[in-house]
Amino acid sequence: MMKFHDVRDQISKIAGFCGMVISITVACYLIFPAGQAQSKTATFLVSLGIGLALSGLSFKALLKSQR
């Protein structure tokens, strides 16, 4: 059975990951111009992919450095 602090740690890690994904996605979406060649949906999907990739890499590096 998980202790209360373990559950809180897991929730805070998930919230941190989601916050990082959202902030990177918004930043990339605002940086990339949506011209005639690409739609806003395509720009958003690329920004979301970049946000997920960067967040995943940073969390993996953080977990590896804590070992």
N, C-alpha and C. Protein backbone atom coordinates (compact mmCIF):
# COMPACT_ATOMS: atom_id res chain seq x y z
N MET A 1 0.84 -1.17 0.00
CA MET A 1 0.00 0.00 0.00
C MET A 1 0.89 1.24 0.00
N MET A 2 0.51 2.22 -0.82
CA MET A 2 1.30 3.44 -0.93
C MET A 2 1.01 4.38 0.24
N LYS A 3 2.05 5.02 0.70
CA LYS A 3 1.88 5.99 1.76
C LYS A 3 1.37 7.29 1.19
N PHE A 4 0.87 8.14 2.06
CA PHE A 4 0.30 9.41 1.64
C PHE A 4 1.34 10.28 0.93
N HIS A 5 2.59 10.27 1.45
CA HIS A 5 3.63 11.10 0.85
C HIS A 5 4.02 10.58 -0.52
N ASP A 6 3.98 9.27 -0.73
CA ASP A 6 4.29 8.71 -2.04
C ASP A 6 3.24 9.13 -3.05
N VAL A 7 1.99 9.14 -2.65
CA VAL A 7 0.91 9.56 -3.56
C VAL A 7 1.06 11.03 -3.89
N ARG A 8 1.38 11.84 -2.89
CA ARG A 8 1.57 13.27 -3.12
C ARG A 8 2.75 13.52 -4.05
N ASP A 9 3.83 12.75 -3.91
CA ASP A 9 4.98 12.89 -4.79
C ASP A 9 4.61 12.55 -6.23
N GLN A 10 3.86 11.48 -6.41
CA GLN A 10 3.44 11.09 -7.75
C GLN A 10 2.54 12.15 -8.38
N ILE A 11 1.61 12.68 -7.59
CA ILE A 11 0.71 13.72 -8.11
C ILE A 11 1.49 14.97 -8.47
N SER A 12 2.46 15.34 -7.65
CA SER A 12 3.24 16.54 -7.96
C SER A 12 4.12 16.34 -9.19
N LYS A 13 4.64 15.13 -9.39
CA LYS A 13 5.42 14.86 -10.59
C LYS A 13 4.56 14.93 -11.84
N ILE A 14 3.36 14.38 -11.78
CA ILE A 14 2.46 14.42 -12.92
C ILE A 14 2.03 15.86 -13.21
N ALA A 15 1.72 16.61 -12.16
CA ALA A 15 1.33 18.01 -12.35
C ALA A 15 2.49 18.83 -12.91
N GLY A 16 3.69 18.58 -12.46
CA GLY A 16 4.86 19.27 -12.99
C GLY A 16 5.09 18.96 -14.45
N PHE A 17 4.93 17.69 -14.82
CA PHE A 17 5.09 17.30 -16.21
C PHE A 17 4.05 17.96 -17.08
N CYS A 18 2.78 17.94 -16.64
CA CYS A 18 1.70 18.56 -17.43
C CYS A 18 1.91 20.07 -17.56
N GLY A 19 2.34 20.71 -16.48
CA GLY A 19 2.60 22.14 -16.55
C GLY A 19 3.73 22.48 -17.50
N MET A 20 4.77 21.64 -17.49
CA MET A 20 5.88 21.87 -18.40
C MET A 20 5.46 21.68 -19.85
N VAL A 21 4.66 20.65 -20.12
CA VAL A 21 4.18 20.41 -21.48
C VAL A 21 3.34 21.59 -21.95
N ILE A 22 2.44 22.06 -21.10
CA ILE A 22 1.57 23.17 -21.49
C ILE A 22 2.37 24.43 -21.75
N SER A 23 3.31 24.74 -20.88
CA SER A 23 4.07 25.98 -21.06
C SER A 23 4.97 25.93 -22.30
N ILE A 24 5.61 24.80 -22.57
CA ILE A 24 6.44 24.68 -23.76
C ILE A 24 5.57 24.73 -25.01
N THR A 25 4.41 24.08 -24.97
CA THR A 25 3.51 24.08 -26.12
C THR A 25 3.04 25.49 -26.43
N VAL A 26 2.63 26.23 -25.42
CA VAL A 26 2.17 27.61 -25.65
C VAL A 26 3.30 28.47 -26.18
N ALA A 27 4.49 28.32 -25.62
CA ALA A 27 5.63 29.13 -26.08
C ALA A 27 5.96 28.83 -27.54
N CYS A 28 6.01 27.56 -27.90
CA CYS A 28 6.30 27.20 -29.29
C CYS A 28 5.19 27.64 -30.23
N TYR A 29 3.95 27.54 -29.78
CA TYR A 29 2.82 27.95 -30.62
C TYR A 29 2.87 29.45 -30.89
N LEU A 30 3.29 30.23 -29.90
CA LEU A 30 3.39 31.67 -30.11
C LEU A 30 4.60 32.06 -30.94
N ILE A 31 5.65 31.26 -30.89
CA ILE A 31 6.86 31.57 -31.65
C ILE A 31 6.69 31.22 -33.12
N PHE A 32 6.14 30.04 -33.42
CA PHE A 32 6.01 29.60 -34.80
C PHE A 32 4.90 30.37 -35.51
N PRO A 33 5.19 30.95 -36.66
CA PRO A 33 4.14 31.65 -37.39
C PRO A 33 3.26 30.66 -38.15
N ALA A 34 1.97 30.94 -38.18
CA ALA A 34 1.05 30.11 -38.97
C ALA A 34 0.79 30.86 -40.27
N GLY A 35 1.56 30.53 -41.28
CA GLY A 35 1.43 31.21 -42.56
C GLY A 35 0.42 30.51 -43.45
N GLN A 36 0.50 30.81 -44.73
CA GLN A 36 -0.43 30.19 -45.68
C GLN A 36 -0.11 28.72 -45.91
N ALA A 37 1.14 28.35 -45.70
CA ALA A 37 1.55 26.97 -45.97
C ALA A 37 1.07 26.01 -44.89
N GLN A 38 0.94 26.49 -43.66
CA GLN A 38 0.50 25.58 -42.60
C GLN A 38 -0.71 26.17 -41.88
N SER A 39 -1.51 25.29 -41.36
CA SER A 39 -2.70 25.72 -40.64
C SER A 39 -2.38 25.88 -39.16
N LYS A 40 -3.28 26.47 -38.42
CA LYS A 40 -3.08 26.64 -36.98
C LYS A 40 -3.09 25.28 -36.28
N THR A 41 -3.86 24.33 -36.80
CA THR A 41 -3.90 23.00 -36.20
C THR A 41 -2.55 22.30 -36.34
N ALA A 42 -1.95 22.42 -37.51
CA ALA A 42 -0.64 21.80 -37.72
C ALA A 42 0.42 22.45 -36.83
N THR A 43 0.35 23.77 -36.69
CA THR A 43 1.29 24.46 -35.80
C THR A 43 1.11 24.01 -34.37
N PHE A 44 -0.14 23.85 -33.93
CA PHE A 44 -0.41 23.40 -32.57
C PHE A 44 0.10 21.98 -32.35
N LEU A 45 -0.11 21.09 -33.31
CA LEU A 45 0.34 19.71 -33.16
C LEU A 45 1.86 19.61 -33.10
N VAL A 46 2.54 20.41 -33.92
CA VAL A 46 4.00 20.42 -33.87
C VAL A 46 4.47 20.97 -32.53
N SER A 47 3.83 22.02 -32.05
CA SER A 47 4.19 22.60 -30.76
C SER A 47 3.94 21.60 -29.63
N LEU A 48 2.85 20.87 -29.70
CA LEU A 48 2.54 19.86 -28.69
C LEU A 48 3.57 18.74 -28.71
N GLY A 49 3.97 18.31 -29.88
CA GLY A 49 5.00 17.28 -30.00
C GLY A 49 6.33 17.73 -29.42
N ILE A 50 6.70 18.97 -29.69
CA ILE A 50 7.94 19.51 -29.14
C ILE A 50 7.84 19.60 -27.62
N GLY A 51 6.68 20.04 -27.12
CA GLY A 51 6.49 20.14 -25.67
C GLY A 51 6.59 18.79 -24.99
N LEU A 52 5.97 17.78 -25.58
CA LEU A 52 6.04 16.43 -25.00
C LEU A 52 7.47 15.89 -25.02
N ALA A 53 8.15 16.10 -26.14
CA ALA A 53 9.51 15.58 -26.26
C ALA A 53 10.46 16.25 -25.27
N LEU A 54 10.43 17.57 -25.20
CA LEU A 54 11.32 18.27 -24.28
C LEU A 54 11.01 17.96 -22.82
N SER A 55 9.74 17.87 -22.50
CA SER A 55 9.36 17.55 -21.12
C SER A 55 9.78 16.14 -20.75
N GLY A 56 9.56 15.21 -21.65
CA GLY A 56 9.98 13.83 -21.40
C GLY A 56 11.48 13.70 -21.20
N LEU A 57 12.24 14.39 -22.04
CA LEU A 57 13.69 14.35 -21.90
C LEU A 57 14.16 14.97 -20.59
N SER A 58 13.57 16.09 -20.23
CA SER A 58 14.02 16.74 -18.99
C SER A 58 13.64 15.92 -17.76
N PHE A 59 12.48 15.29 -17.76
CA PHE A 59 12.10 14.47 -16.61
C PHE A 59 12.94 13.20 -16.53
N LYS A 60 13.29 12.61 -17.68
CA LYS A 60 14.16 11.44 -17.65
C LYS A 60 15.54 11.81 -17.12
N ALA A 61 16.05 12.97 -17.52
CA ALA A 61 17.36 13.41 -17.03
C ALA A 61 17.29 13.71 -15.53
N LEU A 62 16.18 14.29 -15.08
CA LEU A 62 16.03 14.58 -13.66
C LEU A 62 15.98 13.30 -12.84
N LEU A 63 15.21 12.31 -13.30
CA LEU A 63 15.11 11.05 -12.57
C LEU A 63 16.43 10.30 -12.57
N LYS A 64 17.17 10.39 -13.68
CA LYS A 64 18.45 9.70 -13.76
C LYS A 64 19.48 10.35 -12.82
N SER A 65 19.40 11.66 -12.68
CA SER A 65 20.38 12.35 -11.81
C SER A 65 20.06 12.13 -10.34
N GLN A 66 18.81 11.76 -10.01
CA GLN A 66 18.43 11.53 -8.62
C GLN A 66 18.84 10.14 -8.15
N ARG A 67 19.20 9.26 -9.02
CA ARG A 67 19.58 7.88 -8.64
C ARG A 67 20.92 7.83 -8.03
